[in-house]
Amino acid sequence: MIVEFTVNGKTERLEVSPTETLVHILREKLYLTGTKEGCGQGDCGACSVWFNGKIVNSCLIWAGKLQDANIVTIEGLGSLTALHPIQECFIEAGAIQCGYCTPGMIMAVYALLKENPDPDEKEIRTAISGNLCRCTGYNVIIEAVKKAAEYFKEHREVSL
């Protein structure tokens, strides 16, 4: 089947199998490898992306749902030369360790700050609860989110 959708502001038209998942299409057909595949069952959050304005596990989105979709991946938040402020805060806080969970975690944090620019620690923990991290113990991630919230409080913006 042929699907047309937008990824990081660019329209894509691809031939896909209805049984392919979005994470596979992003990584194998569009070479957007920032989105990681972890469990393949929607449990770890490594593959989190924005899909039509909501955070989703891309391993659970079938190709048949892509028609006219608007998708933002970690590559759509920043670039190698201009990181998104959330990415900068993760680096400053040391919340990137092995880096495998980082793209999905940052997408979850972006979703949180978009909805709630001044979260308390309980709200932060809830927002990232769908994203597993085996390296950091979460404390530095929580500090990174607090830094990002402070940044956006000062700059009054959370933008793509």
N, C-alpha and C. Protein backbone atom coordinates (compact mmCIF):
# COMPACT_ATOMS: atom_id res chain seq x y z
N MET A 1 0.84 -1.17 0.00
CA MET A 1 0.00 0.00 0.00
C MET A 1 0.88 1.24 0.00
N ILE A 2 0.37 2.33 -0.54
CA ILE A 2 1.07 3.61 -0.56
C ILE A 2 0.47 4.51 0.52
N VAL A 3 1.33 5.10 1.34
CA VAL A 3 0.87 6.06 2.35
C VAL A 3 1.65 7.36 2.19
N GLU A 4 0.96 8.44 2.49
CA GLU A 4 1.60 9.76 2.47
C GLU A 4 1.39 10.39 3.84
N PHE A 5 2.48 10.87 4.42
CA PHE A 5 2.43 11.44 5.76
C PHE A 5 3.58 12.43 5.91
N THR A 6 3.58 13.16 6.99
CA THR A 6 4.62 14.16 7.25
C THR A 6 5.47 13.72 8.42
N VAL A 7 6.79 13.79 8.24
CA VAL A 7 7.74 13.48 9.31
C VAL A 7 8.69 14.67 9.45
N ASN A 8 8.69 15.26 10.63
CA ASN A 8 9.57 16.39 10.92
C ASN A 8 9.43 17.50 9.87
N GLY A 9 8.18 17.74 9.45
CA GLY A 9 7.90 18.80 8.50
C GLY A 9 8.07 18.44 7.04
N LYS A 10 8.50 17.23 6.74
CA LYS A 10 8.74 16.82 5.35
C LYS A 10 7.70 15.77 4.95
N THR A 11 7.06 15.99 3.81
CA THR A 11 6.08 15.02 3.32
C THR A 11 6.79 13.81 2.73
N GLU A 12 6.33 12.64 3.15
CA GLU A 12 6.88 11.37 2.66
C GLU A 12 5.77 10.59 1.99
N ARG A 13 6.11 9.90 0.93
CA ARG A 13 5.18 9.01 0.23
C ARG A 13 5.92 7.69 0.05
N LEU A 14 5.42 6.64 0.70
CA LEU A 14 6.14 5.37 0.71
C LEU A 14 5.21 4.20 0.41
N GLU A 15 5.80 3.18 -0.17
CA GLU A 15 5.11 1.91 -0.28
C GLU A 15 5.47 1.09 0.95
N VAL A 16 4.46 0.66 1.67
CA VAL A 16 4.67 -0.08 2.91
C VAL A 16 3.74 -1.28 2.97
N SER A 17 4.09 -2.21 3.80
CA SER A 17 3.21 -3.32 4.11
C SER A 17 2.32 -2.89 5.28
N PRO A 18 1.04 -3.24 5.26
CA PRO A 18 0.15 -2.85 6.36
C PRO A 18 0.62 -3.37 7.72
N THR A 19 1.45 -4.42 7.73
CA THR A 19 1.90 -4.99 9.00
C THR A 19 3.22 -4.39 9.50
N GLU A 20 3.79 -3.44 8.76
CA GLU A 20 5.00 -2.77 9.24
C GLU A 20 4.62 -1.78 10.33
N THR A 21 5.54 -1.60 11.25
CA THR A 21 5.31 -0.62 12.32
C THR A 21 6.01 0.68 12.00
N LEU A 22 5.54 1.73 12.64
CA LEU A 22 6.13 3.04 12.43
C LEU A 22 7.61 3.06 12.79
N VAL A 23 8.00 2.43 13.88
CA VAL A 23 9.42 2.43 14.25
C VAL A 23 10.26 1.80 13.15
N HIS A 24 9.78 0.73 12.56
CA HIS A 24 10.52 0.09 11.47
C HIS A 24 10.61 1.01 10.26
N ILE A 25 9.52 1.65 9.91
CA ILE A 25 9.51 2.56 8.77
C ILE A 25 10.45 3.74 9.00
N LEU A 26 10.42 4.31 10.21
CA LEU A 26 11.31 5.43 10.52
C LEU A 26 12.77 5.02 10.40
N ARG A 27 13.12 3.90 10.99
CA ARG A 27 14.52 3.47 11.03
C ARG A 27 15.00 2.87 9.72
N GLU A 28 14.20 2.00 9.11
CA GLU A 28 14.67 1.23 7.95
C GLU A 28 14.36 1.87 6.60
N LYS A 29 13.33 2.68 6.52
CA LYS A 29 12.96 3.27 5.23
C LYS A 29 13.31 4.75 5.15
N LEU A 30 13.24 5.45 6.29
CA LEU A 30 13.54 6.88 6.29
C LEU A 30 14.89 7.19 6.93
N TYR A 31 15.54 6.18 7.48
CA TYR A 31 16.87 6.30 8.10
C TYR A 31 16.90 7.32 9.23
N LEU A 32 15.80 7.44 9.94
CA LEU A 32 15.73 8.28 11.14
C LEU A 32 15.98 7.37 12.33
N THR A 33 17.24 7.16 12.61
CA THR A 33 17.63 6.13 13.58
C THR A 33 17.68 6.64 15.02
N GLY A 34 17.31 7.89 15.24
CA GLY A 34 17.26 8.41 16.60
C GLY A 34 16.20 7.70 17.41
N THR A 35 15.10 7.34 16.78
CA THR A 35 14.05 6.58 17.45
C THR A 35 14.54 5.15 17.60
N LYS A 36 14.58 4.68 18.83
CA LYS A 36 15.12 3.34 19.11
C LYS A 36 14.00 2.32 19.25
N GLU A 37 14.28 1.08 18.87
CA GLU A 37 13.34 0.00 19.14
C GLU A 37 13.88 -0.79 20.31
N GLY A 38 13.10 -0.84 21.36
CA GLY A 38 13.51 -1.57 22.55
C GLY A 38 12.77 -2.89 22.63
N CYS A 39 11.62 -2.86 23.26
CA CYS A 39 10.87 -4.10 23.53
C CYS A 39 9.98 -4.53 22.36
N GLY A 40 9.57 -3.60 21.52
CA GLY A 40 8.67 -3.93 20.42
C GLY A 40 7.24 -4.23 20.86
N GLN A 41 6.92 -3.93 22.13
CA GLN A 41 5.60 -4.23 22.67
C GLN A 41 4.95 -3.05 23.37
N GLY A 42 5.55 -1.86 23.26
CA GLY A 42 4.98 -0.67 23.89
C GLY A 42 5.23 -0.55 25.38
N ASP A 43 6.19 -1.29 25.90
CA ASP A 43 6.45 -1.27 27.33
C ASP A 43 7.61 -0.37 27.76
N CYS A 44 8.57 -0.09 26.87
CA CYS A 44 9.80 0.58 27.32
C CYS A 44 9.89 2.06 26.96
N GLY A 45 9.14 2.53 25.97
CA GLY A 45 9.16 3.94 25.60
C GLY A 45 10.33 4.38 24.75
N ALA A 46 11.26 3.49 24.42
CA ALA A 46 12.43 3.88 23.63
C ALA A 46 12.04 4.41 22.26
N CYS A 47 10.90 4.00 21.76
CA CYS A 47 10.48 4.38 20.40
C CYS A 47 9.47 5.53 20.39
N SER A 48 9.34 6.26 21.49
CA SER A 48 8.34 7.32 21.59
C SER A 48 8.56 8.42 20.57
N VAL A 49 7.46 8.79 19.90
CA VAL A 49 7.44 9.89 18.94
C VAL A 49 6.13 10.65 19.11
N TRP A 50 6.07 11.83 18.51
CA TRP A 50 4.81 12.56 18.41
C TRP A 50 4.06 12.05 17.21
N PHE A 51 2.80 11.72 17.38
CA PHE A 51 1.96 11.22 16.31
C PHE A 51 0.64 11.98 16.39
N ASN A 52 0.43 12.86 15.43
CA ASN A 52 -0.79 13.69 15.41
C ASN A 52 -1.01 14.41 16.74
N GLY A 53 0.08 14.97 17.29
CA GLY A 53 -0.01 15.79 18.49
C GLY A 53 -0.01 15.05 19.80
N LYS A 54 0.22 13.74 19.78
CA LYS A 54 0.26 12.97 21.02
C LYS A 54 1.51 12.11 21.04
N ILE A 55 2.00 11.85 22.22
CA ILE A 55 3.15 10.97 22.37
C ILE A 55 2.65 9.52 22.27
N VAL A 56 3.34 8.73 21.44
CA VAL A 56 2.96 7.32 21.24
C VAL A 56 4.21 6.46 21.17
N ASN A 57 4.03 5.18 21.40
CA ASN A 57 5.08 4.20 21.16
C ASN A 57 4.98 3.80 19.70
N SER A 58 5.98 4.15 18.90
CA SER A 58 5.91 3.92 17.47
C SER A 58 5.92 2.44 17.10
N CYS A 59 6.31 1.58 18.03
CA CYS A 59 6.27 0.14 17.75
C CYS A 59 4.84 -0.38 17.73
N LEU A 60 3.89 0.41 18.22
CA LEU A 60 2.49 0.00 18.26
C LEU A 60 1.65 0.62 17.15
N ILE A 61 2.26 1.45 16.31
CA ILE A 61 1.52 2.12 15.24
C ILE A 61 1.76 1.37 13.94
N TRP A 62 0.69 0.80 13.38
CA TRP A 62 0.78 0.07 12.11
C TRP A 62 0.79 1.03 10.94
N ALA A 63 1.41 0.62 9.87
CA ALA A 63 1.56 1.44 8.66
C ALA A 63 0.22 1.94 8.15
N GLY A 64 -0.83 1.16 8.32
CA GLY A 64 -2.14 1.56 7.85
C GLY A 64 -2.68 2.81 8.50
N LYS A 65 -2.12 3.21 9.64
CA LYS A 65 -2.56 4.41 10.34
C LYS A 65 -1.77 5.65 9.94
N LEU A 66 -0.81 5.49 9.03
CA LEU A 66 0.08 6.61 8.70
C LEU A 66 -0.50 7.61 7.71
N GLN A 67 -1.50 7.24 6.95
CA GLN A 67 -2.03 8.14 5.93
C GLN A 67 -2.41 9.48 6.56
N ASP A 68 -1.81 10.56 6.02
CA ASP A 68 -2.06 11.95 6.44
C ASP A 68 -1.62 12.25 7.87
N ALA A 69 -0.84 11.38 8.48
CA ALA A 69 -0.37 11.61 9.85
C ALA A 69 0.72 12.68 9.87
N ASN A 70 0.86 13.31 11.01
CA ASN A 70 1.93 14.27 11.25
C ASN A 70 2.78 13.70 12.39
N ILE A 71 4.04 13.40 12.08
CA ILE A 71 4.93 12.72 13.02
C ILE A 71 6.14 13.60 13.29
N VAL A 72 6.55 13.65 14.55
CA VAL A 72 7.79 14.34 14.92
C VAL A 72 8.64 13.35 15.70
N THR A 73 9.86 13.16 15.24
CA THR A 73 10.82 12.28 15.92
C THR A 73 11.83 13.14 16.67
N ILE A 74 12.74 12.50 17.35
CA ILE A 74 13.80 13.23 18.06
C ILE A 74 14.59 14.11 17.10
N GLU A 75 14.75 13.66 15.85
CA GLU A 75 15.48 14.46 14.86
C GLU A 75 14.74 15.75 14.54
N GLY A 76 13.43 15.78 14.78
CA GLY A 76 12.63 16.97 14.52
C GLY A 76 12.68 18.00 15.63
N LEU A 77 13.21 17.64 16.78
CA LEU A 77 13.30 18.60 17.89
C LEU A 77 14.51 19.51 17.77
N GLY A 78 15.61 18.99 17.37
CA GLY A 78 16.82 19.78 17.26
C GLY A 78 17.69 19.23 16.16
N SER A 79 18.89 19.76 16.07
CA SER A 79 19.83 19.27 15.07
C SER A 79 21.20 19.12 15.73
N LEU A 80 22.14 18.59 15.00
CA LEU A 80 23.49 18.44 15.56
C LEU A 80 24.13 19.77 15.88
N THR A 81 23.75 20.81 15.15
CA THR A 81 24.35 22.13 15.38
C THR A 81 23.50 23.02 16.28
N ALA A 82 22.24 22.66 16.49
CA ALA A 82 21.36 23.46 17.34
C ALA A 82 20.43 22.52 18.10
N LEU A 83 20.91 22.03 19.23
CA LEU A 83 20.11 21.12 20.03
C LEU A 83 18.89 21.84 20.61
N HIS A 84 17.84 21.09 20.82
CA HIS A 84 16.65 21.62 21.50
C HIS A 84 17.04 21.86 22.96
N PRO A 85 16.47 22.86 23.63
CA PRO A 85 16.82 23.12 25.03
C PRO A 85 16.64 21.91 25.95
N ILE A 86 15.67 21.06 25.69
CA ILE A 86 15.52 19.86 26.52
C ILE A 86 16.73 18.95 26.34
N GLN A 87 17.21 18.82 25.11
CA GLN A 87 18.41 18.02 24.86
C GLN A 87 19.60 18.60 25.60
N GLU A 88 19.75 19.92 25.56
CA GLU A 88 20.84 20.60 26.28
C GLU A 88 20.76 20.32 27.79
N CYS A 89 19.55 20.39 28.34
CA CYS A 89 19.38 20.15 29.78
C CYS A 89 19.72 18.72 30.16
N PHE A 90 19.38 17.76 29.30
CA PHE A 90 19.75 16.36 29.56
C PHE A 90 21.27 16.21 29.59
N ILE A 91 21.95 16.86 28.67
CA ILE A 91 23.41 16.78 28.64
C ILE A 91 23.99 17.42 29.89
N GLU A 92 23.53 18.63 30.23
CA GLU A 92 24.05 19.35 31.40
C GLU A 92 23.84 18.56 32.69
N ALA A 93 22.73 17.87 32.81
CA ALA A 93 22.42 17.12 34.03
C ALA A 93 23.08 15.74 34.04
N GLY A 94 23.70 15.33 32.94
CA GLY A 94 24.30 14.00 32.87
C GLY A 94 23.25 12.91 32.74
N ALA A 95 22.12 13.25 32.12
CA ALA A 95 20.99 12.31 32.03
C ALA A 95 21.00 11.51 30.73
N ILE A 96 22.16 11.36 30.13
CA ILE A 96 22.20 10.67 28.84
C ILE A 96 22.94 9.35 28.88
N GLN A 97 23.69 9.07 29.88
CA GLN A 97 24.42 7.82 30.09
C GLN A 97 24.63 7.02 28.80
N CYS A 98 24.00 5.84 28.66
CA CYS A 98 24.24 5.04 27.45
C CYS A 98 23.52 5.64 26.25
N GLY A 99 22.46 6.39 26.49
CA GLY A 99 21.76 7.10 25.42
C GLY A 99 20.63 6.34 24.76
N TYR A 100 20.44 5.08 25.08
CA TYR A 100 19.43 4.31 24.37
C TYR A 100 18.01 4.81 24.66
N CYS A 101 17.71 5.12 25.89
CA CYS A 101 16.38 5.60 26.24
C CYS A 101 16.21 7.09 25.99
N THR A 102 17.30 7.80 25.79
CA THR A 102 17.27 9.26 25.75
C THR A 102 16.30 9.84 24.71
N PRO A 103 16.29 9.39 23.46
CA PRO A 103 15.35 10.00 22.51
C PRO A 103 13.88 9.87 22.95
N GLY A 104 13.49 8.69 23.37
CA GLY A 104 12.11 8.49 23.82
C GLY A 104 11.81 9.27 25.08
N MET A 105 12.79 9.33 25.98
CA MET A 105 12.62 10.08 27.22
C MET A 105 12.45 11.57 26.92
N ILE A 106 13.26 12.10 26.03
CA ILE A 106 13.16 13.52 25.66
C ILE A 106 11.81 13.82 25.01
N MET A 107 11.33 12.91 24.19
CA MET A 107 10.01 13.12 23.57
C MET A 107 8.92 13.13 24.64
N ALA A 108 9.02 12.26 25.65
CA ALA A 108 8.05 12.24 26.74
C ALA A 108 8.12 13.52 27.56
N VAL A 109 9.33 14.01 27.80
CA VAL A 109 9.51 15.26 28.55
C VAL A 109 8.95 16.44 27.75
N TYR A 110 9.18 16.43 26.45
CA TYR A 110 8.61 17.48 25.61
C TYR A 110 7.09 17.49 25.74
N ALA A 111 6.49 16.31 25.69
CA ALA A 111 5.02 16.21 25.82
C ALA A 111 4.57 16.77 27.17
N LEU A 112 5.29 16.43 28.22
CA LEU A 112 4.96 16.93 29.55
C LEU A 112 5.02 18.45 29.59
N LEU A 113 6.15 19.02 29.16
CA LEU A 113 6.34 20.46 29.26
C LEU A 113 5.41 21.24 28.33
N LYS A 114 5.00 20.64 27.26
CA LYS A 114 4.04 21.26 26.36
C LYS A 114 2.70 21.44 27.07
N GLU A 115 2.31 20.42 27.83
CA GLU A 115 1.04 20.46 28.55
C GLU A 115 1.15 21.15 29.90
N ASN A 116 2.27 20.98 30.55
CA ASN A 116 2.45 21.50 31.91
C ASN A 116 3.86 22.07 32.04
N PRO A 117 4.02 23.37 31.80
CA PRO A 117 5.36 23.95 31.82
C PRO A 117 6.00 24.07 33.21
N ASP A 118 5.24 23.77 34.27
CA ASP A 118 5.79 23.88 35.62
C ASP A 118 5.43 22.63 36.44
N PRO A 119 5.93 21.46 36.03
CA PRO A 119 5.55 20.24 36.74
C PRO A 119 6.29 20.08 38.06
N ASP A 120 5.63 19.45 39.01
CA ASP A 120 6.33 19.08 40.24
C ASP A 120 6.96 17.70 40.03
N GLU A 121 7.70 17.24 41.02
CA GLU A 121 8.44 15.99 40.84
C GLU A 121 7.51 14.80 40.60
N LYS A 122 6.38 14.76 41.28
CA LYS A 122 5.44 13.66 41.07
C LYS A 122 4.92 13.67 39.63
N GLU A 123 4.62 14.82 39.08
CA GLU A 123 4.15 14.93 37.70
C GLU A 123 5.24 14.52 36.71
N ILE A 124 6.48 14.87 37.03
CA ILE A 124 7.60 14.46 36.18
C ILE A 124 7.72 12.94 36.19
N ARG A 125 7.70 12.35 37.37
CA ARG A 125 7.82 10.89 37.48
C ARG A 125 6.69 10.19 36.73
N THR A 126 5.49 10.72 36.83
CA THR A 126 4.36 10.14 36.12
C THR A 126 4.56 10.24 34.61
N ALA A 127 5.02 11.40 34.15
CA ALA A 127 5.19 11.63 32.72
C ALA A 127 6.25 10.72 32.10
N ILE A 128 7.28 10.40 32.85
CA ILE A 128 8.35 9.55 32.30
C ILE A 128 8.18 8.08 32.69
N SER A 129 7.10 7.75 33.35
CA SER A 129 6.93 6.38 33.86
C SER A 129 6.81 5.34 32.75
N GLY A 130 6.47 5.75 31.55
CA GLY A 130 6.39 4.81 30.44
C GLY A 130 7.71 4.60 29.72
N ASN A 131 8.76 5.22 30.22
CA ASN A 131 10.08 5.13 29.59
C ASN A 131 11.07 4.50 30.56
N LEU A 132 11.60 3.36 30.16
CA LEU A 132 12.55 2.64 31.01
C LEU A 132 13.98 3.12 30.77
N CYS A 133 14.70 3.31 31.86
CA CYS A 133 16.12 3.66 31.78
C CYS A 133 16.86 2.70 32.71
N ARG A 134 17.84 2.03 32.15
CA ARG A 134 18.58 1.07 32.95
C ARG A 134 19.89 1.65 33.51
N CYS A 135 20.22 2.87 33.15
CA CYS A 135 21.52 3.41 33.53
C CYS A 135 21.48 4.47 34.63
N THR A 136 20.51 5.39 34.58
CA THR A 136 20.63 6.59 35.40
C THR A 136 20.01 6.51 36.78
N GLY A 137 19.07 5.61 36.99
CA GLY A 137 18.36 5.62 38.26
C GLY A 137 17.32 6.73 38.32
N TYR A 138 17.11 7.43 37.23
CA TYR A 138 16.07 8.45 37.04
C TYR A 138 16.33 9.78 37.74
N ASN A 139 17.14 9.83 38.78
CA ASN A 139 17.33 11.09 39.50
C ASN A 139 17.91 12.18 38.60
N VAL A 140 18.90 11.85 37.78
CA VAL A 140 19.47 12.87 36.90
C VAL A 140 18.50 13.25 35.78
N ILE A 141 17.65 12.31 35.39
CA ILE A 141 16.62 12.64 34.39
C ILE A 141 15.63 13.64 34.99
N ILE A 142 15.23 13.40 36.22
CA ILE A 142 14.31 14.32 36.89
C ILE A 142 14.96 15.70 37.02
N GLU A 143 16.25 15.74 37.35
CA GLU A 143 16.95 17.02 37.42
C GLU A 143 16.98 17.70 36.05
N ALA A 144 17.19 16.94 35.00
CA ALA A 144 17.19 17.50 33.65
C ALA A 144 15.83 18.11 33.31
N VAL A 145 14.76 17.43 33.70
CA VAL A 145 13.41 17.95 33.43
C VAL A 145 13.17 19.23 34.21
N LYS A 146 13.63 19.27 35.46
CA LYS A 146 13.49 20.50 36.26
C LYS A 146 14.26 21.65 35.62
N LYS A 147 15.47 21.37 35.12
CA LYS A 147 16.26 22.40 34.43
C LYS A 147 15.53 22.89 33.19
N ALA A 148 14.96 21.96 32.43
CA ALA A 148 14.23 22.34 31.21
C ALA A 148 13.01 23.17 31.55
N ALA A 149 12.29 22.79 32.60
CA ALA A 149 11.12 23.58 33.01
C ALA A 149 11.53 25.00 33.40
N GLU A 150 12.65 25.11 34.11
CA GLU A 150 13.16 26.43 34.48
C GLU A 150 13.51 27.25 33.23
N TYR A 151 14.17 26.60 32.30
CA TYR A 151 14.53 27.27 31.05
C TYR A 151 13.28 27.83 30.37
N PHE A 152 12.25 27.00 30.25
CA PHE A 152 11.05 27.43 29.55
C PHE A 152 10.26 28.45 30.35
N LYS A 153 10.38 28.40 31.68
CA LYS A 153 9.74 29.42 32.50
C LYS A 153 10.38 30.78 32.21
N GLU A 154 11.70 30.79 32.09
CA GLU A 154 12.44 32.02 31.79
C GLU A 154 12.18 32.49 30.36
N HIS A 155 12.11 31.56 29.43
CA HIS A 155 11.97 31.92 28.01
C HIS A 155 10.54 31.84 27.49
N ARG A 156 9.63 31.34 28.33
CA ARG A 156 8.20 31.27 28.00
C ARG A 156 7.90 30.62 26.66
N GLU A 157 8.59 29.52 26.39
CA GLU A 157 8.32 28.83 25.12
C GLU A 157 8.69 27.36 25.20
N VAL A 158 7.92 26.58 24.56
CA VAL A 158 8.26 25.19 24.28
C VAL A 158 7.87 25.01 22.82
N SER A 159 8.86 24.92 21.96
CA SER A 159 8.53 24.89 20.54
C SER A 159 9.22 23.73 19.83
N LEU A 160 8.64 23.37 18.69
CA LEU A 160 9.25 22.35 17.84
C LEU A 160 10.15 23.03 16.85
